[in-house]
Amino acid sequence: MEQRDYFEEVYEVVRLVPKGRVTTYGTIARYLSLRAGARMVGWAMNGCHNRPDVPAHRVVNSVGVLSGKHFFGGPTIMQQLLEDEGVRVENDRVVNFKTLYWDPTVELAL
């Protein structure tokens, strides 16, 4: 039986998040049926800083807070990356989170 590479599966989903949209750790975990849930997705995101092909800045917590911002090498880099894509951020939180939220279960089923 082949062992799953959970981190690579997470990265594949994150690569699908469109510019200007965001998703959550929990959403990715549910989509991939990860037993360790959002925490495992967080571990994967923490491990992809040398992977420019993975837009980790598009993954936020369940209410749109930039909870992973400390892993980007500076306190405002995650916000800047999102703002460069047209996402407004105020007080470390995505403005219009519900409108910008991307759910692969819905979006990839179209």
C-alpha atoms as a PDB file:
ATOM      1  CA  MET A   1       0.000   0.000   0.000  1.00  0.00           C
ATOM      2  CA  GLU A   2       1.410   3.353  -1.038  1.00  0.00           C
ATOM      3  CA  GLN A   3       1.759   5.957   1.688  1.00  0.00           C
ATOM      4  CA  ARG A   4       0.148   9.354   1.110  1.00  0.00           C
ATOM      5  CA  ASP A   5       2.345  12.451   1.002  1.00  0.00           C
ATOM      6  CA  TYR A   6      -0.001  14.728   2.928  1.00  0.00           C
ATOM      7  CA  PHE A   7       2.130  17.829   2.559  1.00  0.00           C
ATOM      8  CA  GLU A   8       2.247  17.469  -1.241  1.00  0.00           C
ATOM      9  CA  GLU A   9      -1.526  16.947  -1.317  1.00  0.00           C
ATOM     10  CA  VAL A  10      -1.969  20.160   0.683  1.00  0.00           C
ATOM     11  CA  TYR A  11       0.378  22.028  -1.664  1.00  0.00           C
ATOM     12  CA  GLU A  12      -1.561  20.788  -4.705  1.00  0.00           C
ATOM     13  CA  VAL A  13      -4.786  22.246  -3.278  1.00  0.00           C
ATOM     14  CA  VAL A  14      -3.139  25.532  -2.263  1.00  0.00           C
ATOM     15  CA  ARG A  15      -1.789  25.946  -5.805  1.00  0.00           C
ATOM     16  CA  LEU A  16      -5.400  25.897  -7.035  1.00  0.00           C
ATOM     17  CA  VAL A  17      -6.530  28.844  -4.882  1.00  0.00           C
ATOM     18  CA  PRO A  18      -7.032  31.694  -7.376  1.00  0.00           C
ATOM     19  CA  LYS A  19      -5.240  35.017  -7.011  1.00  0.00           C
ATOM     20  CA  GLY A  20      -7.324  37.411  -4.971  1.00  0.00           C
ATOM     21  CA  ARG A  21      -9.061  34.598  -3.052  1.00  0.00           C
ATOM     22  CA  VAL A  22      -8.345  32.886   0.274  1.00  0.00           C
ATOM     23  CA  THR A  23      -9.102  29.563   1.889  1.00  0.00           C
ATOM     24  CA  THR A  24      -8.625  28.137   5.372  1.00  0.00           C
ATOM     25  CA  TYR A  25      -6.555  25.424   7.005  1.00  0.00           C
ATOM     26  CA  GLY A  26      -9.724  23.586   8.012  1.00  0.00           C
ATOM     27  CA  THR A  27     -11.254  23.802   4.546  1.00  0.00           C
ATOM     28  CA  ILE A  28      -8.205  22.159   2.994  1.00  0.00           C
ATOM     29  CA  ALA A  29      -8.150  19.491   5.717  1.00  0.00           C
ATOM     30  CA  ARG A  30     -11.823  18.648   5.133  1.00  0.00           C
ATOM     31  CA  TYR A  31     -11.333  18.534   1.364  1.00  0.00           C
ATOM     32  CA  LEU A  32      -8.411  16.094   1.733  1.00  0.00           C
ATOM     33  CA  SER A  33     -10.032  14.142   4.611  1.00  0.00           C
ATOM     34  CA  LEU A  34      -6.967  14.664   6.805  1.00  0.00           C
ATOM     35  CA  ARG A  35      -7.357  13.058  10.210  1.00  0.00           C
ATOM     36  CA  ALA A  36      -5.063  15.566  11.909  1.00  0.00           C
ATOM     37  CA  GLY A  37      -7.182  18.320  10.390  1.00  0.00           C
ATOM     38  CA  ALA A  38      -6.288  21.974  10.218  1.00  0.00           C
ATOM     39  CA  ARG A  39      -3.211  21.430  12.359  1.00  0.00           C
ATOM     40  CA  MET A  40      -1.643  19.182   9.700  1.00  0.00           C
ATOM     41  CA  VAL A  41      -2.371  21.783   7.025  1.00  0.00           C
ATOM     42  CA  GLY A  42      -0.657  24.353   9.257  1.00  0.00           C
ATOM     43  CA  TRP A  43       2.396  22.115   9.541  1.00  0.00           C
ATOM     44  CA  ALA A  44       2.465  21.783   5.769  1.00  0.00           C
ATOM     45  CA  MET A  45       2.214  25.549   5.324  1.00  0.00           C
ATOM     46  CA  ASN A  46       5.058  26.067   7.802  1.00  0.00           C
ATOM     47  CA  GLY A  47       7.148  23.675   5.742  1.00  0.00           C
ATOM     48  CA  CYS A  48       6.747  25.347   2.359  1.00  0.00           C
ATOM     49  CA  HIS A  49       8.727  28.555   2.770  1.00  0.00           C
ATOM     50  CA  ASN A  50      11.302  27.423   0.239  1.00  0.00           C
ATOM     51  CA  ARG A  51       8.508  26.625  -2.230  1.00  0.00           C
ATOM     52  CA  PRO A  52       7.648  29.743  -4.256  1.00  0.00           C
ATOM     53  CA  ASP A  53       5.191  27.613  -6.263  1.00  0.00           C
ATOM     54  CA  VAL A  54       2.925  27.299  -3.188  1.00  0.00           C
ATOM     55  CA  PRO A  55       0.954  30.522  -2.496  1.00  0.00           C
ATOM     56  CA  ALA A  56       0.808  29.952   1.265  1.00  0.00           C
ATOM     57  CA  HIS A  57      -0.293  33.555   1.836  1.00  0.00           C
ATOM     58  CA  ARG A  58      -3.756  32.587   0.543  1.00  0.00           C
ATOM     59  CA  VAL A  59      -4.354  30.263   3.520  1.00  0.00           C
ATOM     60  CA  VAL A  60      -5.801  31.965   6.610  1.00  0.00           C
ATOM     61  CA  ASN A  61      -7.646  30.832   9.713  1.00  0.00           C
ATOM     62  CA  SER A  62     -11.377  30.111   9.858  1.00  0.00           C
ATOM     63  CA  VAL A  63     -12.386  33.755  10.321  1.00  0.00           C
ATOM     64  CA  GLY A  64      -9.904  35.307   7.885  1.00  0.00           C
ATOM     65  CA  VAL A  65      -7.110  36.188  10.307  1.00  0.00           C
ATOM     66  CA  LEU A  66      -3.534  36.035   8.993  1.00  0.00           C
ATOM     67  CA  SER A  67      -2.559  33.544  11.671  1.00  0.00           C
ATOM     68  CA  GLY A  68       0.520  32.343   9.758  1.00  0.00           C
ATOM     69  CA  LYS A  69       2.000  35.773   9.124  1.00  0.00           C
ATOM     70  CA  HIS A  70       4.964  35.184  11.447  1.00  0.00           C
ATOM     71  CA  PHE A  71       6.323  32.487   9.139  1.00  0.00           C
ATOM     72  CA  PHE A  72       6.827  34.791   6.156  1.00  0.00           C
ATOM     73  CA  GLY A  73      10.080  36.379   7.289  1.00  0.00           C
ATOM     74  CA  GLY A  74       8.505  39.670   8.376  1.00  0.00           C
ATOM     75  CA  PRO A  75       5.325  40.795  10.117  1.00  0.00           C
ATOM     76  CA  THR A  76       3.753  42.426   7.047  1.00  0.00           C
ATOM     77  CA  ILE A  77       4.899  40.195   4.167  1.00  0.00           C
ATOM     78  CA  MET A  78       1.798  37.973   4.145  1.00  0.00           C
ATOM     79  CA  GLN A  79      -0.457  41.031   4.143  1.00  0.00           C
ATOM     80  CA  GLN A  80       1.555  42.624   1.341  1.00  0.00           C
ATOM     81  CA  LEU A  81       1.334  39.485  -0.804  1.00  0.00           C
ATOM     82  CA  LEU A  82      -2.453  39.425  -0.369  1.00  0.00           C
ATOM     83  CA  GLU A  83      -2.802  43.154  -1.033  1.00  0.00           C
ATOM     84  CA  ASP A  84      -0.708  42.753  -4.204  1.00  0.00           C
ATOM     85  CA  GLU A  85      -3.503  40.431  -5.380  1.00  0.00           C
ATOM     86  CA  GLY A  86      -6.239  42.919  -4.486  1.00  0.00           C
ATOM     87  CA  VAL A  87      -7.193  41.459  -1.092  1.00  0.00           C
ATOM     88  CA  ARG A  88      -7.817  44.138   1.538  1.00  0.00           C
ATOM     89  CA  VAL A  89      -6.458  43.383   4.987  1.00  0.00           C
ATOM     90  CA  GLU A  90      -7.196  45.400   8.123  1.00  0.00           C
ATOM     91  CA  ASN A  91      -5.896  44.547  11.595  1.00  0.00           C
ATOM     92  CA  ASP A  92      -4.423  41.258  10.310  1.00  0.00           C
ATOM     93  CA  ARG A  93      -7.817  40.132   8.986  1.00  0.00           C
ATOM     94  CA  VAL A  94      -9.103  39.722   5.429  1.00  0.00           C
ATOM     95  CA  VAL A  95     -11.811  42.271   4.671  1.00  0.00           C
ATOM     96  CA  ASN A  96     -14.811  40.678   2.911  1.00  0.00           C
ATOM     97  CA  PHE A  97     -13.568  37.239   3.954  1.00  0.00           C
ATOM     98  CA  LYS A  98     -16.869  35.507   3.152  1.00  0.00           C
ATOM     99  CA  THR A  99     -16.889  36.984  -0.361  1.00  0.00           C
ATOM    100  CA  LEU A 100     -13.258  36.035  -1.069  1.00  0.00           C
ATOM    101  CA  TYR A 101     -13.456  32.593   0.557  1.00  0.00           C
ATOM    102  CA  TRP A 102     -12.562  29.723  -1.789  1.00  0.00           C
ATOM    103  CA  ASP A 103     -13.811  26.221  -0.984  1.00  0.00           C
ATOM    104  CA  PRO A 104     -12.352  23.464  -3.185  1.00  0.00           C
ATOM    105  CA  THR A 105     -15.305  21.197  -2.406  1.00  0.00           C
ATOM    106  CA  VAL A 106     -17.567  23.714  -4.147  1.00  0.00           C
ATOM    107  CA  GLU A 107     -15.232  25.343  -6.656  1.00  0.00           C
ATOM    108  CA  LEU A 108     -13.639  22.151  -7.997  1.00  0.00           C
ATOM    109  CA  ALA A 109     -17.008  20.442  -8.363  1.00  0.00           C
ATOM    110  CA  LEU A 110     -18.133  22.962 -10.992  1.00  0.00           C
END
